[in-house]
Amino acid sequence: MNVRMRITEKFELSGGVTVLICKDCESNINVVGKQFSLVSGGNLRQTLTIIGKRSILNQKSKFDQVAFETKDTVELSQKEAQSGEWQLVGD
């Protein structure tokens, strides 16, 4: 099974946790503890391990978006995350 989720936003929290907001994700897929490649246009930037799934509070629109947490340093700028050109890809 090949999982692809498009990144739409990035937040850095205290304690070294980064939250990536993704869309095009099937809600029933368990991604916690799994590794995903950070890619754009076939170019691999790094591999991340997802440590948690977070609820999006006060979500009134964009119900197809899910928040994932990682403790890895994410080599992606805010602008790149918002561009919609980057994906998390896993097996």
Protein backbone atom coordinates (compact mmCIF):
# COMPACT_ATOMS: atom_id res chain seq x y z
CA MET A 1 0.00 0.00 0.00
CA ASN A 2 1.47 3.35 -1.05
CA VAL A 3 0.34 6.28 1.12
CA ARG A 4 0.65 9.85 -0.19
CA MET A 5 -0.40 12.90 1.80
CA ARG A 6 0.04 16.49 0.63
CA ILE A 7 1.50 18.87 3.23
CA THR A 8 -0.34 22.19 3.58
CA GLU A 9 1.13 23.67 6.78
CA LYS A 10 3.92 23.25 9.32
CA PHE A 11 4.01 24.26 12.99
CA GLU A 12 6.92 23.93 15.40
CA LEU A 13 5.89 23.37 19.02
CA SER A 14 7.91 23.56 22.21
CA GLY A 15 9.66 20.37 23.20
CA GLY A 16 10.99 19.71 19.72
CA VAL A 17 7.71 18.53 18.18
CA THR A 18 6.79 19.56 14.64
CA VAL A 19 3.20 19.28 13.41
CA LEU A 20 2.54 18.79 9.71
CA ILE A 21 -0.98 19.43 8.44
CA CYS A 22 -1.73 17.10 5.55
CA LYS A 23 -4.61 16.50 3.19
CA ASP A 24 -5.57 13.61 0.92
CA CYS A 25 -5.13 11.19 3.82
CA GLU A 26 -7.42 8.24 4.43
CA SER A 27 -8.70 8.60 7.99
CA ASN A 28 -8.46 4.88 8.80
CA ILE A 29 -4.74 4.52 8.04
CA ASN A 30 -2.50 4.00 11.07
CA VAL A 31 0.65 6.05 10.49
CA VAL A 32 1.97 6.33 14.06
CA GLY A 33 5.43 4.79 14.35
CA LYS A 34 5.82 4.59 10.58
CA GLN A 35 8.45 6.30 8.44
CA PHE A 36 7.54 8.62 5.60
CA SER A 37 9.65 10.24 2.91
CA LEU A 38 9.40 13.99 2.45
CA VAL A 39 9.30 14.44 -1.34
CA SER A 40 8.52 17.00 -4.02
CA GLY A 41 8.52 16.23 -7.72
CA GLY A 42 10.26 12.92 -7.12
CA ASN A 43 13.06 14.54 -5.09
CA LEU A 44 13.59 13.01 -1.64
CA ARG A 45 14.60 15.51 1.04
CA GLN A 46 14.51 13.36 4.17
CA THR A 47 12.74 10.56 6.04
CA LEU A 48 10.51 11.33 9.03
CA THR A 49 8.98 9.13 11.72
CA ILE A 50 5.40 10.00 12.68
CA ILE A 51 4.94 9.84 16.47
CA GLY A 52 1.34 10.97 16.77
CA LYS A 53 -1.88 12.13 15.18
CA ARG A 54 -3.41 15.33 16.52
CA SER A 55 -6.96 16.65 16.34
CA ILE A 56 -7.41 19.97 14.58
CA LEU A 57 -9.30 22.11 17.07
CA ASN A 58 -12.13 24.37 15.94
CA GLN A 59 -12.05 22.84 12.48
CA LYS A 60 -14.95 24.42 10.59
CA SER A 61 -13.75 23.66 7.10
CA LYS A 62 -11.17 21.56 5.31
CA PHE A 63 -12.32 18.37 7.01
CA ASP A 64 -9.99 16.38 4.77
CA GLN A 65 -6.94 17.65 6.69
CA VAL A 66 -5.13 15.74 9.42
CA ALA A 67 -2.29 16.82 11.74
CA PHE A 68 0.70 14.54 12.28
CA GLU A 69 3.50 14.96 14.82
CA THR A 70 7.19 14.16 14.53
CA LYS A 71 10.18 14.75 16.79
CA ASP A 72 12.50 14.74 13.78
CA THR A 73 13.91 18.07 12.63
CA VAL A 74 11.82 18.81 9.54
CA GLU A 75 13.92 20.33 6.76
CA LEU A 76 10.99 22.19 5.24
CA SER A 77 10.33 25.92 5.43
CA GLN A 78 6.92 27.37 6.25
CA LYS A 79 6.67 28.67 2.67
CA GLU A 80 7.50 25.25 1.21
CA ALA A 81 4.90 23.59 3.45
CA GLN A 82 2.22 26.04 2.36
CA SER A 83 3.08 25.63 -1.34
CA GLY A 84 1.24 22.29 -1.55
CA GLU A 85 4.13 20.84 -3.56
CA TRP A 86 5.50 18.62 -0.78
CA GLN A 87 4.19 15.20 0.20
CA LEU A 88 4.72 12.58 2.85
CA VAL A 89 5.05 9.23 1.08
CA GLY A 90 5.08 5.87 2.84
CA ASP A 91 4.48 2.19 2.19
